[in-house]
Amino acid sequence: MTTTTTNAAQLDAEALYQQLLEQIRPHALAQDKLAIVGIYSGGAWIAERLVQDLGLPSKAGRIDVSFYRDDYAAKGLHAEVKPTQIPFDVDGAQIILVDDVLYTGRTTRAAINELFDYGRPARIMLATLVDRGGRELPVAADFVAHTASFEPAVSVNLQRADDGTFSISVDHA
């Protein structure tokens, strides 16, 4: 994938979701013990749809990394902590970890640490709608719908409408 400078008008979240689904589909069909876990909140929304659209037997897992963040001691607990739900046996599972936007890699690291508290997966792969660069840790996604470059002050956010459709906003600080 090439890296481009992107604005909100260029980010059709539904089209990006379809691209991500088509990248994951061949892999999902080839795995016996595939599970999908989404990072709250956008990654969890995407994970739910992936499980449904792929026809997977187990529900999507949801993970809140609040207690696993490396800035927890400095920032404290986020006001909207949600319960982690892993409705499958992690031991030996092929897990696709889903996040809406990949940035520094710190959230991904925290999610992997939390997953290992539930067991030892055979493999963890990462899927994201938007890889915005700016990595601080050596983390790369296996499945990426769009790669773009944004200034550090820019926030890229996934929203989900009442009907389940996705949209993306790009907010400048």
N, C-alpha and C. Protein backbone atom coordinates (compact mmCIF):
# COMPACT_ATOMS: atom_id res chain seq x y z
N MET A 1 0.83 -1.17 0.00
CA MET A 1 0.00 0.00 0.00
C MET A 1 0.88 1.25 0.00
N THR A 2 0.40 2.26 -0.66
CA THR A 2 1.11 3.53 -0.67
C THR A 2 0.57 4.42 0.42
N THR A 3 1.41 5.32 0.89
CA THR A 3 1.01 6.26 1.91
C THR A 3 0.64 7.56 1.24
N THR A 4 -0.53 8.09 1.60
CA THR A 4 -1.00 9.34 1.02
C THR A 4 -1.45 10.27 2.12
N THR A 5 -1.50 11.56 1.81
CA THR A 5 -2.11 12.51 2.71
C THR A 5 -3.61 12.45 2.45
N THR A 6 -4.38 12.34 3.50
CA THR A 6 -5.79 12.06 3.37
C THR A 6 -6.61 13.05 4.17
N ASN A 7 -7.82 13.35 3.68
CA ASN A 7 -8.78 14.12 4.46
C ASN A 7 -10.03 13.27 4.65
N ALA A 8 -10.96 13.77 5.45
CA ALA A 8 -12.16 12.99 5.79
C ALA A 8 -12.97 12.63 4.56
N ALA A 9 -13.03 13.50 3.57
CA ALA A 9 -13.84 13.24 2.38
C ALA A 9 -13.32 12.03 1.62
N GLN A 10 -12.04 11.72 1.75
CA GLN A 10 -11.45 10.58 1.06
C GLN A 10 -11.65 9.27 1.80
N LEU A 11 -12.12 9.32 3.03
CA LEU A 11 -12.24 8.13 3.85
C LEU A 11 -13.70 7.67 3.92
N ASP A 12 -14.07 6.80 3.02
CA ASP A 12 -15.40 6.19 3.02
C ASP A 12 -15.30 4.95 3.89
N ALA A 13 -15.77 5.06 5.12
CA ALA A 13 -15.60 3.98 6.10
C ALA A 13 -16.26 2.68 5.66
N GLU A 14 -17.41 2.76 5.00
CA GLU A 14 -18.08 1.55 4.54
C GLU A 14 -17.27 0.86 3.44
N ALA A 15 -16.72 1.63 2.52
CA ALA A 15 -15.88 1.05 1.47
C ALA A 15 -14.60 0.45 2.07
N LEU A 16 -14.03 1.13 3.06
CA LEU A 16 -12.83 0.61 3.72
C LEU A 16 -13.16 -0.69 4.46
N TYR A 17 -14.32 -0.73 5.10
CA TYR A 17 -14.72 -1.96 5.78
C TYR A 17 -14.82 -3.12 4.78
N GLN A 18 -15.42 -2.88 3.64
CA GLN A 18 -15.55 -3.94 2.63
C GLN A 18 -14.18 -4.42 2.15
N GLN A 19 -13.23 -3.50 1.99
CA GLN A 19 -11.86 -3.88 1.61
C GLN A 19 -11.24 -4.77 2.68
N LEU A 20 -11.41 -4.37 3.94
CA LEU A 20 -10.85 -5.15 5.05
C LEU A 20 -11.48 -6.54 5.10
N LEU A 21 -12.79 -6.60 4.94
CA LEU A 21 -13.50 -7.88 4.94
C LEU A 21 -12.97 -8.79 3.84
N GLU A 22 -12.76 -8.27 2.65
CA GLU A 22 -12.28 -9.09 1.54
C GLU A 22 -10.84 -9.54 1.74
N GLN A 23 -10.03 -8.75 2.44
CA GLN A 23 -8.66 -9.18 2.76
C GLN A 23 -8.68 -10.33 3.76
N ILE A 24 -9.58 -10.27 4.72
CA ILE A 24 -9.63 -11.24 5.80
C ILE A 24 -10.34 -12.53 5.37
N ARG A 25 -11.32 -12.43 4.49
CA ARG A 25 -12.16 -13.58 4.12
C ARG A 25 -11.36 -14.83 3.74
N PRO A 26 -10.38 -14.77 2.83
CA PRO A 26 -9.66 -16.01 2.48
C PRO A 26 -8.94 -16.63 3.68
N HIS A 27 -8.40 -15.79 4.53
CA HIS A 27 -7.71 -16.29 5.71
C HIS A 27 -8.70 -16.94 6.68
N ALA A 28 -9.84 -16.30 6.85
CA ALA A 28 -10.86 -16.81 7.78
C ALA A 28 -11.37 -18.17 7.33
N LEU A 29 -11.53 -18.36 6.05
CA LEU A 29 -12.05 -19.63 5.54
C LEU A 29 -11.04 -20.76 5.69
N ALA A 30 -9.76 -20.42 5.80
CA ALA A 30 -8.71 -21.43 5.87
C ALA A 30 -8.36 -21.83 7.31
N GLN A 31 -8.95 -21.18 8.31
CA GLN A 31 -8.60 -21.44 9.70
C GLN A 31 -9.68 -22.23 10.42
N ASP A 32 -9.27 -23.20 11.23
CA ASP A 32 -10.21 -23.98 12.01
C ASP A 32 -10.63 -23.25 13.29
N LYS A 33 -9.69 -22.68 13.97
CA LYS A 33 -9.96 -22.08 15.27
C LYS A 33 -9.71 -20.57 15.21
N LEU A 34 -10.46 -19.90 14.33
CA LEU A 34 -10.31 -18.46 14.17
C LEU A 34 -11.24 -17.72 15.12
N ALA A 35 -10.73 -16.71 15.77
CA ALA A 35 -11.52 -15.85 16.64
C ALA A 35 -11.16 -14.40 16.33
N ILE A 36 -12.12 -13.53 16.48
CA ILE A 36 -11.90 -12.11 16.22
C ILE A 36 -12.17 -11.34 17.49
N VAL A 37 -11.24 -10.43 17.82
CA VAL A 37 -11.35 -9.61 19.02
C VAL A 37 -11.17 -8.16 18.60
N GLY A 38 -12.12 -7.31 19.00
CA GLY A 38 -12.04 -5.90 18.69
C GLY A 38 -11.68 -5.08 19.90
N ILE A 39 -10.86 -4.05 19.68
CA ILE A 39 -10.48 -3.12 20.74
C ILE A 39 -11.56 -2.03 20.81
N TYR A 40 -12.11 -1.81 22.03
CA TYR A 40 -13.15 -0.79 22.21
C TYR A 40 -12.66 0.55 21.71
N SER A 41 -13.49 1.35 21.12
CA SER A 41 -14.85 1.02 20.72
C SER A 41 -14.94 0.70 19.23
N GLY A 42 -14.23 1.45 18.40
CA GLY A 42 -14.31 1.23 16.96
C GLY A 42 -13.89 -0.16 16.52
N GLY A 43 -12.84 -0.69 17.09
CA GLY A 43 -12.40 -2.03 16.73
C GLY A 43 -13.42 -3.10 17.11
N ALA A 44 -14.13 -2.88 18.22
CA ALA A 44 -15.17 -3.82 18.64
C ALA A 44 -16.34 -3.79 17.66
N TRP A 45 -16.70 -2.61 17.18
CA TRP A 45 -17.78 -2.50 16.19
C TRP A 45 -17.42 -3.25 14.91
N ILE A 46 -16.18 -3.04 14.45
CA ILE A 46 -15.72 -3.70 13.23
C ILE A 46 -15.69 -5.22 13.43
N ALA A 47 -15.19 -5.66 14.59
CA ALA A 47 -15.10 -7.09 14.88
C ALA A 47 -16.48 -7.74 14.85
N GLU A 48 -17.48 -7.09 15.42
CA GLU A 48 -18.84 -7.63 15.41
C GLU A 48 -19.33 -7.86 13.98
N ARG A 49 -19.11 -6.88 13.12
CA ARG A 49 -19.55 -7.03 11.73
C ARG A 49 -18.76 -8.09 10.99
N LEU A 50 -17.46 -8.16 11.26
CA LEU A 50 -16.64 -9.19 10.61
C LEU A 50 -17.14 -10.59 10.96
N VAL A 51 -17.40 -10.84 12.23
CA VAL A 51 -17.88 -12.15 12.66
C VAL A 51 -19.19 -12.47 11.94
N GLN A 52 -20.08 -11.51 11.88
CA GLN A 52 -21.37 -11.72 11.21
C GLN A 52 -21.18 -11.96 9.71
N ASP A 53 -20.40 -11.10 9.05
CA ASP A 53 -20.24 -11.19 7.59
C ASP A 53 -19.43 -12.42 7.17
N LEU A 54 -18.57 -12.91 8.05
CA LEU A 54 -17.78 -14.10 7.74
C LEU A 54 -18.50 -15.38 8.17
N GLY A 55 -19.59 -15.23 8.90
CA GLY A 55 -20.35 -16.39 9.36
C GLY A 55 -19.58 -17.25 10.35
N LEU A 56 -18.80 -16.62 11.22
CA LEU A 56 -18.01 -17.37 12.19
C LEU A 56 -18.90 -17.89 13.33
N PRO A 57 -18.57 -19.06 13.87
CA PRO A 57 -19.43 -19.66 14.90
C PRO A 57 -19.36 -18.96 16.26
N SER A 58 -18.21 -18.39 16.61
CA SER A 58 -18.11 -17.74 17.93
C SER A 58 -18.34 -16.24 17.80
N LYS A 59 -18.83 -15.66 18.87
CA LYS A 59 -19.06 -14.22 18.91
C LYS A 59 -17.71 -13.50 18.90
N ALA A 60 -17.76 -12.23 18.53
CA ALA A 60 -16.55 -11.42 18.58
C ALA A 60 -16.20 -11.13 20.03
N GLY A 61 -14.90 -11.17 20.32
CA GLY A 61 -14.43 -10.73 21.62
C GLY A 61 -14.30 -9.22 21.62
N ARG A 62 -14.33 -8.66 22.80
CA ARG A 62 -14.15 -7.21 22.97
C ARG A 62 -13.12 -7.01 24.06
N ILE A 63 -12.24 -6.07 23.81
CA ILE A 63 -11.16 -5.87 24.77
C ILE A 63 -11.01 -4.38 25.07
N ASP A 64 -10.91 -4.07 26.36
CA ASP A 64 -10.67 -2.70 26.82
C ASP A 64 -9.29 -2.70 27.44
N VAL A 65 -8.39 -1.92 26.87
CA VAL A 65 -6.99 -1.95 27.30
C VAL A 65 -6.67 -0.93 28.39
N SER A 66 -7.68 -0.32 28.98
CA SER A 66 -7.45 0.77 29.94
C SER A 66 -6.44 0.42 31.03
N PHE A 67 -6.53 -0.78 31.60
CA PHE A 67 -5.63 -1.16 32.70
C PHE A 67 -4.26 -1.62 32.20
N TYR A 68 -4.11 -1.79 30.89
CA TYR A 68 -2.87 -2.30 30.32
C TYR A 68 -2.05 -1.22 29.61
N ARG A 69 -2.57 -0.02 29.59
CA ARG A 69 -1.86 1.06 28.90
C ARG A 69 -0.59 1.44 29.65
N ASP A 70 0.45 1.80 28.91
CA ASP A 70 1.71 2.18 29.57
C ASP A 70 1.64 3.58 30.18
N ASP A 71 0.56 4.33 29.92
CA ASP A 71 0.39 5.65 30.51
C ASP A 71 -0.68 5.65 31.61
N TYR A 72 -1.08 4.46 32.05
CA TYR A 72 -2.12 4.34 33.07
C TYR A 72 -1.74 5.07 34.35
N ALA A 73 -0.51 4.91 34.81
CA ALA A 73 -0.08 5.55 36.06
C ALA A 73 -0.11 7.07 35.96
N ALA A 74 0.22 7.59 34.79
CA ALA A 74 0.25 9.04 34.60
C ALA A 74 -1.14 9.63 34.36
N LYS A 75 -1.97 8.93 33.59
CA LYS A 75 -3.27 9.49 33.20
C LYS A 75 -4.43 8.96 34.03
N GLY A 76 -4.27 7.83 34.67
CA GLY A 76 -5.35 7.24 35.45
C GLY A 76 -6.34 6.52 34.55
N LEU A 77 -7.46 6.16 35.14
CA LEU A 77 -8.47 5.37 34.45
C LEU A 77 -9.36 6.25 33.59
N HIS A 78 -9.59 5.82 32.34
CA HIS A 78 -10.50 6.52 31.44
C HIS A 78 -11.91 6.44 32.01
N ALA A 79 -12.71 7.46 31.82
CA ALA A 79 -14.05 7.54 32.41
C ALA A 79 -15.00 6.46 31.89
N GLU A 80 -14.76 5.94 30.69
CA GLU A 80 -15.70 4.99 30.10
C GLU A 80 -15.08 3.60 29.91
N VAL A 81 -14.59 3.02 30.98
CA VAL A 81 -14.03 1.68 30.91
C VAL A 81 -15.17 0.69 30.66
N LYS A 82 -14.93 -0.22 29.72
CA LYS A 82 -15.92 -1.23 29.39
C LYS A 82 -15.33 -2.60 29.73
N PRO A 83 -16.18 -3.58 30.01
CA PRO A 83 -15.65 -4.90 30.38
C PRO A 83 -15.08 -5.63 29.17
N THR A 84 -13.93 -6.26 29.38
CA THR A 84 -13.37 -7.14 28.36
C THR A 84 -14.21 -8.40 28.33
N GLN A 85 -14.54 -8.86 27.12
CA GLN A 85 -15.32 -10.09 26.96
C GLN A 85 -14.63 -10.96 25.93
N ILE A 86 -14.16 -12.11 26.35
CA ILE A 86 -13.51 -13.06 25.46
C ILE A 86 -14.34 -14.34 25.51
N PRO A 87 -15.28 -14.53 24.55
CA PRO A 87 -16.21 -15.66 24.61
C PRO A 87 -15.70 -16.95 23.96
N PHE A 88 -14.41 -17.18 24.01
CA PHE A 88 -13.82 -18.38 23.41
C PHE A 88 -12.54 -18.69 24.16
N ASP A 89 -12.03 -19.89 23.95
CA ASP A 89 -10.77 -20.31 24.57
C ASP A 89 -9.61 -19.71 23.78
N VAL A 90 -8.83 -18.88 24.43
CA VAL A 90 -7.70 -18.21 23.78
C VAL A 90 -6.57 -19.19 23.47
N ASP A 91 -6.39 -20.21 24.31
CA ASP A 91 -5.30 -21.16 24.10
C ASP A 91 -5.42 -21.82 22.73
N GLY A 92 -4.38 -21.66 21.93
CA GLY A 92 -4.32 -22.29 20.61
C GLY A 92 -5.14 -21.61 19.53
N ALA A 93 -5.82 -20.52 19.84
CA ALA A 93 -6.67 -19.84 18.85
C ALA A 93 -5.84 -19.01 17.87
N GLN A 94 -6.35 -18.91 16.67
CA GLN A 94 -5.83 -17.99 15.66
C GLN A 94 -6.69 -16.73 15.83
N ILE A 95 -6.10 -15.66 16.33
CA ILE A 95 -6.88 -14.47 16.67
C ILE A 95 -6.56 -13.33 15.71
N ILE A 96 -7.61 -12.71 15.23
CA ILE A 96 -7.45 -11.45 14.50
C ILE A 96 -7.87 -10.35 15.47
N LEU A 97 -6.92 -9.53 15.84
CA LEU A 97 -7.14 -8.38 16.71
C LEU A 97 -7.49 -7.20 15.82
N VAL A 98 -8.60 -6.52 16.11
CA VAL A 98 -9.10 -5.47 15.23
C VAL A 98 -9.10 -4.12 15.95
N ASP A 99 -8.55 -3.12 15.28
CA ASP A 99 -8.62 -1.74 15.76
C ASP A 99 -9.05 -0.87 14.59
N ASP A 100 -9.72 0.23 14.87
CA ASP A 100 -10.18 1.08 13.78
C ASP A 100 -9.05 1.87 13.16
N VAL A 101 -8.20 2.47 14.00
CA VAL A 101 -7.09 3.29 13.51
C VAL A 101 -5.81 2.85 14.22
N LEU A 102 -4.80 2.53 13.45
CA LEU A 102 -3.49 2.16 14.00
C LEU A 102 -2.61 3.40 13.97
N TYR A 103 -2.06 3.76 15.12
CA TYR A 103 -1.23 4.96 15.20
C TYR A 103 0.12 4.60 15.82
N THR A 104 0.28 4.79 17.12
CA THR A 104 1.60 4.60 17.74
C THR A 104 1.96 3.13 17.95
N GLY A 105 0.96 2.27 18.06
CA GLY A 105 1.19 0.86 18.36
C GLY A 105 1.03 0.54 19.83
N ARG A 106 0.87 1.54 20.67
CA ARG A 106 0.78 1.31 22.11
C ARG A 106 -0.53 0.63 22.52
N THR A 107 -1.62 0.98 21.86
CA THR A 107 -2.89 0.31 22.15
C THR A 107 -2.81 -1.15 21.75
N THR A 108 -2.19 -1.43 20.61
CA THR A 108 -2.03 -2.82 20.15
C THR A 108 -1.20 -3.61 21.15
N ARG A 109 -0.12 -3.03 21.62
CA ARG A 109 0.73 -3.71 22.60
C ARG A 109 -0.07 -4.03 23.86
N ALA A 110 -0.86 -3.07 24.32
CA ALA A 110 -1.67 -3.29 25.52
C ALA A 110 -2.69 -4.40 25.30
N ALA A 111 -3.31 -4.43 24.12
CA ALA A 111 -4.31 -5.47 23.82
C ALA A 111 -3.66 -6.85 23.78
N ILE A 112 -2.49 -6.96 23.20
CA ILE A 112 -1.79 -8.24 23.15
C ILE A 112 -1.44 -8.70 24.56
N ASN A 113 -0.96 -7.79 25.39
CA ASN A 113 -0.66 -8.15 26.78
C ASN A 113 -1.90 -8.67 27.49
N GLU A 114 -3.03 -8.03 27.28
CA GLU A 114 -4.27 -8.48 27.92
C GLU A 114 -4.70 -9.84 27.39
N LEU A 115 -4.61 -10.05 26.08
CA LEU A 115 -4.98 -11.35 25.51
C LEU A 115 -4.19 -12.49 26.15
N PHE A 116 -2.91 -12.26 26.39
CA PHE A 116 -2.09 -13.31 26.99
C PHE A 116 -2.48 -13.60 28.44
N ASP A 117 -3.19 -12.70 29.08
CA ASP A 117 -3.72 -13.00 30.41
C ASP A 117 -4.85 -14.02 30.34
N TYR A 118 -5.44 -14.20 29.16
CA TYR A 118 -6.53 -15.16 28.96
C TYR A 118 -6.03 -16.50 28.43
N GLY A 119 -4.79 -16.57 28.01
CA GLY A 119 -4.25 -17.82 27.49
C GLY A 119 -3.15 -17.53 26.47
N ARG A 120 -2.71 -18.60 25.80
CA ARG A 120 -1.63 -18.48 24.82
C ARG A 120 -2.18 -18.81 23.44
N PRO A 121 -2.47 -17.76 22.65
CA PRO A 121 -2.98 -18.02 21.30
C PRO A 121 -1.88 -18.60 20.41
N ALA A 122 -2.30 -19.35 19.39
CA ALA A 122 -1.35 -19.88 18.42
C ALA A 122 -0.76 -18.74 17.59
N ARG A 123 -1.60 -17.73 17.32
CA ARG A 123 -1.16 -16.62 16.49
C ARG A 123 -2.09 -15.44 16.71
N ILE A 124 -1.54 -14.24 16.67
CA ILE A 124 -2.34 -13.01 16.69
C ILE A 124 -1.97 -12.22 15.45
N MET A 125 -3.00 -11.87 14.68
CA MET A 125 -2.82 -11.00 13.52
C MET A 125 -3.57 -9.71 13.80
N LEU A 126 -3.16 -8.63 13.17
CA LEU A 126 -3.76 -7.32 13.41
C LEU A 126 -4.45 -6.84 12.15
N ALA A 127 -5.68 -6.33 12.32
CA ALA A 127 -6.44 -5.74 11.22
C ALA A 127 -6.86 -4.33 11.62
N THR A 128 -6.80 -3.41 10.66
CA THR A 128 -7.19 -2.02 10.91
C THR A 128 -7.78 -1.39 9.67
N LEU A 129 -8.73 -0.49 9.87
CA LEU A 129 -9.28 0.25 8.73
C LEU A 129 -8.26 1.24 8.20
N VAL A 130 -7.66 2.03 9.13
CA VAL A 130 -6.73 3.08 8.72
C VAL A 130 -5.43 2.95 9.49
N ASP A 131 -4.33 2.86 8.77
CA ASP A 131 -2.99 2.93 9.36
C ASP A 131 -2.49 4.34 9.09
N ARG A 132 -2.40 5.13 10.13
CA ARG A 132 -2.04 6.54 9.98
C ARG A 132 -0.55 6.82 10.21
N GLY A 133 0.25 5.75 10.34
CA GLY A 133 1.68 5.95 10.56
C GLY A 133 1.94 6.46 11.97
N GLY A 134 3.13 7.00 12.21
CA GLY A 134 3.46 7.57 13.51
C GLY A 134 3.79 6.54 14.57
N ARG A 135 4.27 5.37 14.16
CA ARG A 135 4.55 4.29 15.08
C ARG A 135 5.63 4.66 16.08
N GLU A 136 5.39 4.28 17.35
CA GLU A 136 6.37 4.40 18.42
C GLU A 136 6.87 3.03 18.87
N LEU A 137 6.17 1.99 18.44
CA LEU A 137 6.55 0.61 18.74
C LEU A 137 6.56 -0.17 17.43
N PRO A 138 7.33 -1.26 17.36
CA PRO A 138 7.41 -2.04 16.12
C PRO A 138 6.17 -2.91 15.90
N VAL A 139 5.08 -2.26 15.48
CA VAL A 139 3.80 -2.92 15.26
C VAL A 139 3.38 -2.67 13.82
N ALA A 140 2.97 -3.72 13.14
CA ALA A 140 2.47 -3.59 11.76
C ALA A 140 1.23 -4.44 11.61
N ALA A 141 0.25 -3.94 10.88
CA ALA A 141 -1.00 -4.68 10.66
C ALA A 141 -0.83 -5.68 9.53
N ASP A 142 -1.49 -6.83 9.69
CA ASP A 142 -1.52 -7.86 8.65
C ASP A 142 -2.57 -7.53 7.60
N PHE A 143 -3.63 -6.87 8.01
CA PHE A 143 -4.73 -6.50 7.13
C PHE A 143 -4.99 -5.00 7.31
N VAL A 144 -4.88 -4.23 6.23
CA VAL A 144 -5.05 -2.78 6.28
C VAL A 144 -5.90 -2.34 5.09
N ALA A 145 -6.95 -1.57 5.36
CA ALA A 145 -7.79 -1.07 4.28
C ALA A 145 -7.21 0.20 3.66
N HIS A 146 -6.61 1.07 4.48
CA HIS A 146 -6.10 2.34 3.95
C HIS A 146 -4.90 2.79 4.77
N THR A 147 -3.85 3.21 4.11
CA THR A 147 -2.67 3.78 4.76
C THR A 147 -2.59 5.25 4.38
N ALA A 148 -2.44 6.10 5.39
CA ALA A 148 -2.43 7.54 5.15
C ALA A 148 -1.50 8.22 6.14
N SER A 149 -1.18 9.44 5.85
CA SER A 149 -0.33 10.23 6.72
C SER A 149 -1.14 11.41 7.27
N PHE A 150 -1.09 11.58 8.58
CA PHE A 150 -1.78 12.68 9.24
C PHE A 150 -0.80 13.37 10.18
N GLU A 151 -0.98 14.66 10.38
CA GLU A 151 -0.19 15.40 11.36
C GLU A 151 -0.52 14.85 12.75
N PRO A 152 0.42 14.92 13.69
CA PRO A 152 0.16 14.39 15.03
C PRO A 152 -1.05 15.02 15.73
N ALA A 153 -1.35 16.27 15.46
CA ALA A 153 -2.47 16.95 16.13
C ALA A 153 -3.83 16.53 15.57
N VAL A 154 -3.84 15.77 14.48
CA VAL A 154 -5.08 15.35 13.85
C VAL A 154 -5.60 14.08 14.52
N SER A 155 -6.90 14.03 14.73
CA SER A 155 -7.55 12.87 15.31
C SER A 155 -8.42 12.21 14.24
N VAL A 156 -8.25 10.91 14.04
CA VAL A 156 -9.04 10.14 13.07
C VAL A 156 -9.95 9.23 13.88
N ASN A 157 -11.27 9.39 13.71
CA ASN A 157 -12.23 8.69 14.56
C ASN A 157 -13.30 7.98 13.75
N LEU A 158 -13.58 6.74 14.15
CA LEU A 158 -14.66 5.97 13.54
C LEU A 158 -15.94 6.20 14.34
N GLN A 159 -17.04 6.40 13.62
CA GLN A 159 -18.36 6.50 14.24
C GLN A 159 -19.24 5.40 13.67
N ARG A 160 -20.23 4.98 14.48
CA ARG A 160 -21.20 4.00 14.03
C ARG A 160 -22.59 4.59 14.21
N ALA A 161 -23.35 4.62 13.14
CA ALA A 161 -24.72 5.13 13.18
C ALA A 161 -25.65 4.09 13.82
N ASP A 162 -26.87 4.51 14.13
CA ASP A 162 -27.86 3.60 14.72
C ASP A 162 -28.14 2.39 13.85
N ASP A 163 -28.00 2.56 12.52
CA ASP A 163 -28.25 1.43 11.61
C ASP A 163 -27.01 0.55 11.43
N GLY A 164 -25.92 0.86 12.14
CA GLY A 164 -24.71 0.05 12.08
C GLY A 164 -23.70 0.47 11.05
N THR A 165 -24.01 1.47 10.23
CA THR A 165 -23.06 1.90 9.21
C THR A 165 -21.95 2.75 9.84
N PHE A 166 -20.81 2.69 9.21
CA PHE A 166 -19.62 3.39 9.71
C PHE A 166 -19.38 4.69 8.94
N SER A 167 -18.78 5.65 9.64
CA SER A 167 -18.26 6.86 9.01
C SER A 167 -16.98 7.23 9.75
N ILE A 168 -16.16 8.04 9.13
CA ILE A 168 -14.89 8.47 9.74
C ILE A 168 -14.85 9.98 9.74
N SER A 169 -14.42 10.54 10.87
CA SER A 169 -14.17 11.98 10.94
C SER A 169 -12.69 12.22 11.14
N VAL A 170 -12.21 13.29 10.54
CA VAL A 170 -10.81 13.72 10.72
C VAL A 170 -10.89 15.10 11.37
N ASP A 171 -10.47 15.17 12.63
CA ASP A 171 -10.60 16.40 13.40
C ASP A 171 -9.23 17.02 13.62
N HIS A 172 -9.17 18.32 13.36
CA HIS A 172 -7.92 19.06 13.53
C HIS A 172 -7.97 19.81 14.87
N ALA A 173 -6.91 19.66 15.66
CA ALA A 173 -6.90 20.30 16.99
C ALA A 173 -6.65 21.78 16.89
